[in-house]
Amino acid sequence: MFVLRRHTHVLASLTAASFLLAACGAKEEAPELPPLESMSVNLEGFTTPATALTSSANFGAAAFRVGLVNLGVALALAVPAAVFAVALTDKHPTLKGGKWIWDFDAQTLLGRLGSELTAWMDGTTLNLEMRVTGGQLTNFLYYTGTFDKTTGSGSWQFYNHLITQADKQSVKITFAVTDETHRTVTFLVTRTDGNVTAGDSLAYSRLGDAATVTLHDASENANATAGISVSTGAGYLEAPGYNGGMRACWDAQHADTSCP
């Protein structure tokens, strides 16, 4: 009886120790980072063979304007997006003082940048901070961000080291990404150094089959909007200085047509 009781106590102790070891060995999972799409605009529908550009004045005018916007966004975000893309591939950040830290090197158009992404939770909101070192930059605050994975929404605030004043904020992105066909991304120039582009914005929206791009010129208080059906290719352009500012449309073959 004594032997049985002693073995029972030993088993109980071993079981308790196993649970204790499992608890001690458990690792807290790193938070989910925003998708890379939060830093990009997918202008699907406006990419077309060059022959279509010459056969439709309306579509050609829209594709030209959207193409310029796409080029500007791609150039502006090439480096920060390349840095963040590396962080997204790193599944083993370090947890220190309640903050997650991704420490890595990223090869970019500016050369190799030593990068450190720090993330911490505030309720349901993930706060992010990216610092980079390389070339003329030393621990430079490149951008900050917020992300709520329950809604898929958040923001990025970028900083430009070429701005000479103390306030180096340049562009802010606000985004909401539910899935590939339901997302909005807005770029706002937040410079405070008197730059002529301050207040300008670019808004991209994809709601099901409908994709729209709206460019706002703050100095003129004017908007230019291009919209397209991703499935058919039919769409419209509404912009100051084109067609008298009236909406101009094209059909699924990118031929000019009357607007509905």
C-alpha atoms as a PDB file:
ATOM      1  CA  MET A   1       0.000   0.000   0.000  1.00  0.00           C
ATOM      2  CA  PHE A   2       2.888   2.279   0.920  1.00  0.00           C
ATOM      3  CA  VAL A   3       4.641   1.445  -2.366  1.00  0.00           C
ATOM      4  CA  LEU A   4       1.509   2.196  -4.397  1.00  0.00           C
ATOM      5  CA  ARG A   5       1.002   5.501  -2.595  1.00  0.00           C
ATOM      6  CA  ARG A   6       4.646   6.445  -3.120  1.00  0.00           C
ATOM      7  CA  HIS A   7       4.415   5.712  -6.851  1.00  0.00           C
ATOM      8  CA  THR A   8       1.231   7.783  -7.032  1.00  0.00           C
ATOM      9  CA  HIS A   9       3.024  10.732  -5.468  1.00  0.00           C
ATOM     10  CA  VAL A  10       5.952  10.317  -7.857  1.00  0.00           C
ATOM     11  CA  LEU A  11       3.630  10.270 -10.886  1.00  0.00           C
ATOM     12  CA  ALA A  12       1.808  13.331  -9.622  1.00  0.00           C
ATOM     13  CA  SER A  13       5.111  15.147  -9.136  1.00  0.00           C
ATOM     14  CA  LEU A  14       6.301  14.180 -12.600  1.00  0.00           C
ATOM     15  CA  THR A  15       3.025  15.329 -14.146  1.00  0.00           C
ATOM     16  CA  ALA A  16       3.218  18.668 -12.364  1.00  0.00           C
ATOM     17  CA  ALA A  17       6.839  19.084 -13.426  1.00  0.00           C
ATOM     18  CA  SER A  18       5.917  18.328 -17.032  1.00  0.00           C
ATOM     19  CA  PHE A  19       3.234  21.008 -17.041  1.00  0.00           C
ATOM     20  CA  LEU A  20       5.681  23.434 -15.431  1.00  0.00           C
ATOM     21  CA  LEU A  21       8.343  22.729 -18.050  1.00  0.00           C
ATOM     22  CA  ALA A  22       5.790  23.091 -20.855  1.00  0.00           C
ATOM     23  CA  ALA A  23       4.690  26.440 -19.475  1.00  0.00           C
ATOM     24  CA  CYS A  24       8.270  27.647 -19.119  1.00  0.00           C
ATOM     25  CA  GLY A  25       9.128  26.477 -22.617  1.00  0.00           C
ATOM     26  CA  ALA A  26       6.115  28.116 -24.278  1.00  0.00           C
ATOM     27  CA  LYS A  27       7.017  31.037 -26.517  1.00  0.00           C
ATOM     28  CA  GLU A  28       4.816  34.015 -27.162  1.00  0.00           C
ATOM     29  CA  GLU A  29       4.013  34.342 -30.846  1.00  0.00           C
ATOM     30  CA  ALA A  30       5.102  37.473 -32.680  1.00  0.00           C
ATOM     31  CA  PRO A  31       2.243  39.776 -33.747  1.00  0.00           C
ATOM     32  CA  GLU A  32       0.907  39.719 -37.296  1.00  0.00           C
ATOM     33  CA  LEU A  33       2.449  42.500 -39.373  1.00  0.00           C
ATOM     34  CA  PRO A  34       0.538  44.596 -41.926  1.00  0.00           C
ATOM     35  CA  PRO A  35       0.457  43.156 -45.464  1.00  0.00           C
ATOM     36  CA  LEU A  36       2.929  44.479 -48.021  1.00  0.00           C
ATOM     37  CA  GLU A  37      -0.118  45.686 -50.009  1.00  0.00           C
ATOM     38  CA  SER A  38      -0.487  48.428 -47.399  1.00  0.00           C
ATOM     39  CA  MET A  39       2.524  50.104 -49.027  1.00  0.00           C
ATOM     40  CA  SER A  40       1.539  49.649 -52.644  1.00  0.00           C
ATOM     41  CA  VAL A  41      -1.117  50.377 -55.241  1.00  0.00           C
ATOM     42  CA  ASN A  42      -2.117  47.625 -57.644  1.00  0.00           C
ATOM     43  CA  LEU A  43      -3.463  49.533 -60.647  1.00  0.00           C
ATOM     44  CA  GLU A  44      -4.960  46.512 -62.354  1.00  0.00           C
ATOM     45  CA  GLY A  45      -7.004  47.185 -65.441  1.00  0.00           C
ATOM     46  CA  PHE A  46      -4.966  50.140 -66.651  1.00  0.00           C
ATOM     47  CA  THR A  47      -2.117  48.001 -67.987  1.00  0.00           C
ATOM     48  CA  THR A  48      -2.785  47.331 -71.648  1.00  0.00           C
ATOM     49  CA  PRO A  49      -0.942  46.823 -74.958  1.00  0.00           C
ATOM     50  CA  ALA A  50       0.369  50.005 -76.582  1.00  0.00           C
ATOM     51  CA  THR A  51      -2.070  49.578 -79.499  1.00  0.00           C
ATOM     52  CA  ALA A  52      -4.990  50.235 -77.173  1.00  0.00           C
ATOM     53  CA  LEU A  53      -3.478  53.534 -76.111  1.00  0.00           C
ATOM     54  CA  THR A  54      -3.528  54.794 -79.702  1.00  0.00           C
ATOM     55  CA  SER A  55      -7.031  53.537 -80.497  1.00  0.00           C
ATOM     56  CA  SER A  56      -8.902  55.214 -77.638  1.00  0.00           C
ATOM     57  CA  ALA A  57      -8.414  58.838 -76.655  1.00  0.00           C
ATOM     58  CA  ASN A  58     -10.289  58.475 -73.377  1.00  0.00           C
ATOM     59  CA  PHE A  59      -8.629  55.285 -72.209  1.00  0.00           C
ATOM     60  CA  GLY A  60      -5.252  56.552 -73.394  1.00  0.00           C
ATOM     61  CA  ALA A  61      -5.636  59.761 -71.401  1.00  0.00           C
ATOM     62  CA  ALA A  62      -6.589  57.791 -68.287  1.00  0.00           C
ATOM     63  CA  ALA A  63      -3.820  55.199 -68.707  1.00  0.00           C
ATOM     64  CA  PHE A  64      -1.241  57.955 -69.190  1.00  0.00           C
ATOM     65  CA  ARG A  65      -2.271  59.769 -66.019  1.00  0.00           C
ATOM     66  CA  VAL A  66      -2.527  56.585 -63.973  1.00  0.00           C
ATOM     67  CA  GLY A  67       0.818  55.423 -65.371  1.00  0.00           C
ATOM     68  CA  LEU A  68       2.529  58.590 -64.148  1.00  0.00           C
ATOM     69  CA  VAL A  69       0.955  58.142 -60.728  1.00  0.00           C
ATOM     70  CA  ASN A  70       1.994  54.500 -60.622  1.00  0.00           C
ATOM     71  CA  LEU A  71       5.579  55.400 -61.523  1.00  0.00           C
ATOM     72  CA  GLY A  72       5.739  58.075 -58.839  1.00  0.00           C
ATOM     73  CA  VAL A  73       4.378  55.768 -56.145  1.00  0.00           C
ATOM     74  CA  ALA A  74       6.665  52.921 -57.183  1.00  0.00           C
ATOM     75  CA  LEU A  75       9.765  55.129 -57.016  1.00  0.00           C
ATOM     76  CA  ALA A  76       8.771  56.723 -53.714  1.00  0.00           C
ATOM     77  CA  LEU A  77       8.022  53.416 -52.004  1.00  0.00           C
ATOM     78  CA  ALA A  78      10.665  51.204 -53.607  1.00  0.00           C
ATOM     79  CA  VAL A  79      13.124  51.440 -50.711  1.00  0.00           C
ATOM     80  CA  PRO A  80      10.762  51.423 -47.684  1.00  0.00           C
ATOM     81  CA  ALA A  81       8.724  48.584 -49.207  1.00  0.00           C
ATOM     82  CA  ALA A  82      11.898  46.577 -49.923  1.00  0.00           C
ATOM     83  CA  VAL A  83      12.976  46.981 -46.300  1.00  0.00           C
ATOM     84  CA  PHE A  84       9.576  45.959 -44.944  1.00  0.00           C
ATOM     85  CA  ALA A  85       9.401  42.966 -47.311  1.00  0.00           C
ATOM     86  CA  VAL A  86      12.505  41.530 -45.643  1.00  0.00           C
ATOM     87  CA  ALA A  87      10.914  41.929 -42.209  1.00  0.00           C
ATOM     88  CA  LEU A  88       7.861  39.989 -43.409  1.00  0.00           C
ATOM     89  CA  THR A  89      10.086  37.000 -44.236  1.00  0.00           C
ATOM     90  CA  ASP A  90      11.697  36.947 -40.789  1.00  0.00           C
ATOM     91  CA  LYS A  91       9.586  34.685 -38.590  1.00  0.00           C
ATOM     92  CA  HIS A  92      11.885  34.782 -35.557  1.00  0.00           C
ATOM     93  CA  PRO A  93      12.027  38.289 -34.061  1.00  0.00           C
ATOM     94  CA  THR A  94      13.383  38.895 -30.561  1.00  0.00           C
ATOM     95  CA  LEU A  95      11.083  39.755 -27.659  1.00  0.00           C
ATOM     96  CA  LYS A  96      12.666  42.300 -25.337  1.00  0.00           C
ATOM     97  CA  GLY A  97      10.960  44.463 -22.729  1.00  0.00           C
ATOM     98  CA  GLY A  98       7.508  43.751 -24.141  1.00  0.00           C
ATOM     99  CA  LYS A  99       8.527  44.746 -27.657  1.00  0.00           C
ATOM    100  CA  TRP A 100       9.232  42.604 -30.695  1.00  0.00           C
ATOM    101  CA  ILE A 101      12.407  43.444 -32.621  1.00  0.00           C
ATOM    102  CA  TRP A 102      13.310  42.403 -36.158  1.00  0.00           C
ATOM    103  CA  ASP A 103      17.014  43.105 -36.775  1.00  0.00           C
ATOM    104  CA  PHE A 104      18.200  42.524 -40.351  1.00  0.00           C
ATOM    105  CA  ASP A 105      19.970  43.875 -43.438  1.00  0.00           C
ATOM    106  CA  ALA A 106      18.036  44.831 -46.555  1.00  0.00           C
ATOM    107  CA  GLN A 107      19.460  45.291 -50.041  1.00  0.00           C
ATOM    108  CA  THR A 108      17.767  48.336 -51.603  1.00  0.00           C
ATOM    109  CA  LEU A 109      18.221  50.942 -54.322  1.00  0.00           C
ATOM    110  CA  LEU A 110      20.152  52.954 -51.714  1.00  0.00           C
ATOM    111  CA  GLY A 111      22.467  50.025 -51.062  1.00  0.00           C
ATOM    112  CA  ARG A 112      22.501  47.769 -48.037  1.00  0.00           C
ATOM    113  CA  LEU A 113      20.580  49.173 -45.073  1.00  0.00           C
ATOM    114  CA  GLY A 114      20.890  47.863 -41.554  1.00  0.00           C
ATOM    115  CA  SER A 115      17.275  47.794 -40.418  1.00  0.00           C
ATOM    116  CA  GLU A 116      15.476  47.416 -37.118  1.00  0.00           C
ATOM    117  CA  LEU A 117      11.712  47.058 -36.904  1.00  0.00           C
ATOM    118  CA  THR A 118      10.205  47.398 -33.436  1.00  0.00           C
ATOM    119  CA  ALA A 119       6.587  46.441 -32.719  1.00  0.00           C
ATOM    120  CA  TRP A 120       4.448  46.525 -29.606  1.00  0.00           C
ATOM    121  CA  MET A 121       0.771  46.116 -28.795  1.00  0.00           C
ATOM    122  CA  ASP A 122      -1.508  48.810 -27.389  1.00  0.00           C
ATOM    123  CA  GLY A 123      -4.848  47.110 -26.902  1.00  0.00           C
ATOM    124  CA  THR A 124      -5.779  45.708 -30.314  1.00  0.00           C
ATOM    125  CA  THR A 125      -3.471  48.130 -32.123  1.00  0.00           C
ATOM    126  CA  LEU A 126       0.006  47.129 -33.210  1.00  0.00           C
ATOM    127  CA  ASN A 127       2.485  50.027 -33.175  1.00  0.00           C
ATOM    128  CA  LEU A 128       5.530  49.862 -35.431  1.00  0.00           C
ATOM    129  CA  GLU A 129       8.773  51.778 -35.814  1.00  0.00           C
ATOM    130  CA  MET A 130      11.408  51.221 -38.516  1.00  0.00           C
ATOM    131  CA  ARG A 131      14.941  52.605 -38.165  1.00  0.00           C
ATOM    132  CA  VAL A 132      17.695  52.240 -40.740  1.00  0.00           C
ATOM    133  CA  THR A 133      21.454  52.719 -40.878  1.00  0.00           C
ATOM    134  CA  GLY A 134      23.534  52.989 -44.034  1.00  0.00           C
ATOM    135  CA  GLY A 135      25.231  55.593 -46.198  1.00  0.00           C
ATOM    136  CA  GLN A 136      24.411  58.985 -44.677  1.00  0.00           C
ATOM    137  CA  LEU A 137      21.811  57.511 -42.337  1.00  0.00           C
ATOM    138  CA  THR A 138      22.492  56.447 -38.753  1.00  0.00           C
ATOM    139  CA  ASN A 139      19.599  54.954 -36.796  1.00  0.00           C
ATOM    140  CA  PHE A 140      17.258  57.156 -38.845  1.00  0.00           C
ATOM    141  CA  LEU A 141      13.538  56.917 -38.075  1.00  0.00           C
ATOM    142  CA  TYR A 142      12.368  55.838 -41.524  1.00  0.00           C
ATOM    143  CA  TYR A 143       8.696  55.262 -40.795  1.00  0.00           C
ATOM    144  CA  THR A 144       6.197  54.498 -38.073  1.00  0.00           C
ATOM    145  CA  GLY A 145       2.946  52.602 -38.367  1.00  0.00           C
ATOM    146  CA  THR A 146      -0.183  51.245 -36.759  1.00  0.00           C
ATOM    147  CA  PHE A 147      -2.184  48.129 -37.593  1.00  0.00           C
ATOM    148  CA  ASP A 148      -5.358  46.522 -36.298  1.00  0.00           C
ATOM    149  CA  LYS A 149      -5.522  42.998 -37.677  1.00  0.00           C
ATOM    150  CA  THR A 150      -9.165  42.618 -36.617  1.00  0.00           C
ATOM    151  CA  THR A 151     -10.174  45.286 -39.159  1.00  0.00           C
ATOM    152  CA  GLY A 152      -7.213  45.074 -41.552  1.00  0.00           C
ATOM    153  CA  SER A 153      -6.764  48.838 -41.225  1.00  0.00           C
ATOM    154  CA  GLY A 154      -3.843  51.007 -40.221  1.00  0.00           C
ATOM    155  CA  SER A 155      -1.420  53.702 -41.277  1.00  0.00           C
ATOM    156  CA  TRP A 156       2.193  54.443 -42.155  1.00  0.00           C
ATOM    157  CA  GLN A 157       3.990  57.741 -41.592  1.00  0.00           C
ATOM    158  CA  PHE A 158       7.175  58.166 -43.622  1.00  0.00           C
ATOM    159  CA  TYR A 159      10.085  60.508 -42.946  1.00  0.00           C
ATOM    160  CA  ASN A 160      12.548  61.968 -45.457  1.00  0.00           C
ATOM    161  CA  HIS A 161      16.137  62.579 -44.363  1.00  0.00           C
ATOM    162  CA  LEU A 162      16.589  65.092 -47.215  1.00  0.00           C
ATOM    163  CA  ILE A 163      14.146  67.506 -45.569  1.00  0.00           C
ATOM    164  CA  THR A 164      16.375  70.043 -43.841  1.00  0.00           C
ATOM    165  CA  GLN A 165      14.027  71.119 -41.057  1.00  0.00           C
ATOM    166  CA  ALA A 166      13.538  69.199 -37.825  1.00  0.00           C
ATOM    167  CA  ASP A 167      10.102  67.920 -38.852  1.00  0.00           C
ATOM    168  CA  LYS A 168      10.980  65.386 -41.528  1.00  0.00           C
ATOM    169  CA  GLN A 169       7.567  63.836 -42.096  1.00  0.00           C
ATOM    170  CA  SER A 170       6.868  63.404 -45.787  1.00  0.00           C
ATOM    171  CA  VAL A 171       3.986  61.069 -46.668  1.00  0.00           C
ATOM    172  CA  LYS A 172       1.278  59.326 -44.690  1.00  0.00           C
ATOM    173  CA  ILE A 173      -0.521  56.209 -45.893  1.00  0.00           C
ATOM    174  CA  THR A 174      -3.840  55.091 -44.465  1.00  0.00           C
ATOM    175  CA  PHE A 175      -5.078  51.688 -45.527  1.00  0.00           C
ATOM    176  CA  ALA A 176      -7.811  49.115 -45.063  1.00  0.00           C
ATOM    177  CA  VAL A 177      -7.178  45.717 -46.616  1.00  0.00           C
ATOM    178  CA  THR A 178      -9.905  43.113 -46.197  1.00  0.00           C
ATOM    179  CA  ASP A 179      -8.815  40.915 -49.094  1.00  0.00           C
ATOM    180  CA  GLU A 180      -7.482  41.190 -52.640  1.00  0.00           C
ATOM    181  CA  THR A 181     -10.702  42.666 -54.002  1.00  0.00           C
ATOM    182  CA  HIS A 182     -11.649  44.893 -51.080  1.00  0.00           C
ATOM    183  CA  ARG A 183      -9.035  47.435 -50.091  1.00  0.00           C
ATOM    184  CA  THR A 184      -8.344  51.150 -49.948  1.00  0.00           C
ATOM    185  CA  VAL A 185      -4.969  52.868 -49.772  1.00  0.00           C
ATOM    186  CA  THR A 186      -4.595  56.650 -49.482  1.00  0.00           C
ATOM    187  CA  PHE A 187      -1.342  58.583 -49.784  1.00  0.00           C
ATOM    188  CA  LEU A 188      -1.218  62.095 -48.307  1.00  0.00           C
ATOM    189  CA  VAL A 189       1.765  64.452 -48.573  1.00  0.00           C
ATOM    190  CA  THR A 190       2.281  65.668 -44.995  1.00  0.00           C
ATOM    191  CA  ARG A 191       5.363  67.851 -45.494  1.00  0.00           C
ATOM    192  CA  THR A 192       5.464  71.019 -43.371  1.00  0.00           C
ATOM    193  CA  ASP A 193       8.490  72.644 -45.002  1.00  0.00           C
ATOM    194  CA  GLY A 194       6.521  74.648 -47.561  1.00  0.00           C
ATOM    195  CA  ASN A 195       6.866  72.110 -50.361  1.00  0.00           C
ATOM    196  CA  VAL A 196       4.359  72.739 -53.175  1.00  0.00           C
ATOM    197  CA  THR A 197       3.060  69.164 -52.967  1.00  0.00           C
ATOM    198  CA  ALA A 198       1.915  69.519 -49.335  1.00  0.00           C
ATOM    199  CA  GLY A 199      -1.693  68.409 -49.008  1.00  0.00           C
ATOM    200  CA  ASP A 200      -1.734  66.521 -52.306  1.00  0.00           C
ATOM    201  CA  SER A 201      -3.200  63.034 -52.062  1.00  0.00           C
ATOM    202  CA  LEU A 202      -3.714  59.845 -54.013  1.00  0.00           C
ATOM    203  CA  ALA A 203      -6.561  57.497 -53.132  1.00  0.00           C
ATOM    204  CA  TYR A 204      -6.834  53.983 -54.528  1.00  0.00           C
ATOM    205  CA  SER A 205      -9.942  51.888 -53.975  1.00  0.00           C
ATOM    206  CA  ARG A 206     -10.863  48.365 -55.018  1.00  0.00           C
ATOM    207  CA  LEU A 207     -14.396  47.346 -54.110  1.00  0.00           C
ATOM    208  CA  GLY A 208     -15.225  44.084 -55.812  1.00  0.00           C
ATOM    209  CA  ASP A 209     -14.961  44.588 -59.566  1.00  0.00           C
ATOM    210  CA  ALA A 210     -14.638  48.382 -59.413  1.00  0.00           C
ATOM    211  CA  ALA A 211     -11.212  50.007 -59.116  1.00  0.00           C
ATOM    212  CA  THR A 212     -10.752  53.770 -58.849  1.00  0.00           C
ATOM    213  CA  VAL A 213      -7.797  56.120 -58.559  1.00  0.00           C
ATOM    214  CA  THR A 214      -8.322  59.713 -57.393  1.00  0.00           C
ATOM    215  CA  LEU A 215      -5.598  62.344 -57.411  1.00  0.00           C
ATOM    216  CA  HIS A 216      -6.172  65.519 -55.397  1.00  0.00           C
ATOM    217  CA  ASP A 217      -4.174  68.676 -56.168  1.00  0.00           C
ATOM    218  CA  ALA A 218      -4.301  70.731 -52.989  1.00  0.00           C
ATOM    219  CA  SER A 219      -2.914  73.901 -54.573  1.00  0.00           C
ATOM    220  CA  GLU A 220      -5.726  73.887 -57.167  1.00  0.00           C
ATOM    221  CA  ASN A 221      -8.301  72.203 -54.921  1.00  0.00           C
ATOM    222  CA  ALA A 222      -9.079  69.905 -57.858  1.00  0.00           C
ATOM    223  CA  ASN A 223      -9.599  66.170 -58.268  1.00  0.00           C
ATOM    224  CA  ALA A 224      -8.933  63.813 -61.161  1.00  0.00           C
ATOM    225  CA  THR A 225     -10.550  60.358 -61.007  1.00  0.00           C
ATOM    226  CA  ALA A 226     -10.160  57.296 -63.200  1.00  0.00           C
ATOM    227  CA  GLY A 227     -12.375  54.264 -62.693  1.00  0.00           C
ATOM    228  CA  ILE A 228     -12.389  50.872 -64.343  1.00  0.00           C
ATOM    229  CA  SER A 229     -14.138  47.502 -64.250  1.00  0.00           C
ATOM    230  CA  VAL A 230     -11.368  45.007 -63.576  1.00  0.00           C
ATOM    231  CA  SER A 231     -13.263  42.182 -65.291  1.00  0.00           C
ATOM    232  CA  THR A 232     -14.323  44.007 -68.487  1.00  0.00           C
ATOM    233  CA  GLY A 233     -11.832  46.872 -68.824  1.00  0.00           C
ATOM    234  CA  ALA A 234     -14.572  49.467 -69.383  1.00  0.00           C
ATOM    235  CA  GLY A 235     -14.196  52.674 -67.448  1.00  0.00           C
ATOM    236  CA  TYR A 236     -14.095  56.448 -67.265  1.00  0.00           C
ATOM    237  CA  LEU A 237     -11.899  59.478 -66.658  1.00  0.00           C
ATOM    238  CA  GLU A 238     -13.026  62.691 -65.026  1.00  0.00           C
ATOM    239  CA  ALA A 239     -10.276  65.318 -64.863  1.00  0.00           C
ATOM    240  CA  PRO A 240      -9.832  69.081 -65.142  1.00  0.00           C
ATOM    241  CA  GLY A 241      -8.477  70.022 -68.541  1.00  0.00           C
ATOM    242  CA  TYR A 242      -9.800  66.923 -70.284  1.00  0.00           C
ATOM    243  CA  ASN A 243     -13.125  66.806 -72.132  1.00  0.00           C
ATOM    244  CA  GLY A 244     -14.092  70.108 -70.549  1.00  0.00           C
ATOM    245  CA  GLY A 245     -13.894  68.499 -67.118  1.00  0.00           C
ATOM    246  CA  MET A 246     -16.813  66.223 -68.011  1.00  0.00           C
ATOM    247  CA  ARG A 247     -16.668  62.469 -67.539  1.00  0.00           C
ATOM    248  CA  ALA A 248     -15.213  60.622 -70.557  1.00  0.00           C
ATOM    249  CA  CYS A 249     -15.801  56.867 -70.983  1.00  0.00           C
ATOM    250  CA  TRP A 250     -14.570  53.811 -72.880  1.00  0.00           C
ATOM    251  CA  ASP A 251     -16.021  50.352 -73.403  1.00  0.00           C
ATOM    252  CA  ALA A 252     -14.652  46.850 -72.866  1.00  0.00           C
ATOM    253  CA  GLN A 253     -12.612  47.145 -76.079  1.00  0.00           C
ATOM    254  CA  HIS A 254     -11.175  50.450 -74.790  1.00  0.00           C
ATOM    255  CA  ALA A 255     -13.026  52.328 -77.541  1.00  0.00           C
ATOM    256  CA  ASP A 256     -14.484  55.744 -76.729  1.00  0.00           C
ATOM    257  CA  THR A 257     -18.164  55.561 -75.897  1.00  0.00           C
ATOM    258  CA  SER A 258     -20.870  57.699 -74.338  1.00  0.00           C
ATOM    259  CA  CYS A 259     -21.096  57.591 -70.568  1.00  0.00           C
ATOM    260  CA  PRO A 260     -24.091  55.899 -68.979  1.00  0.00           C
END
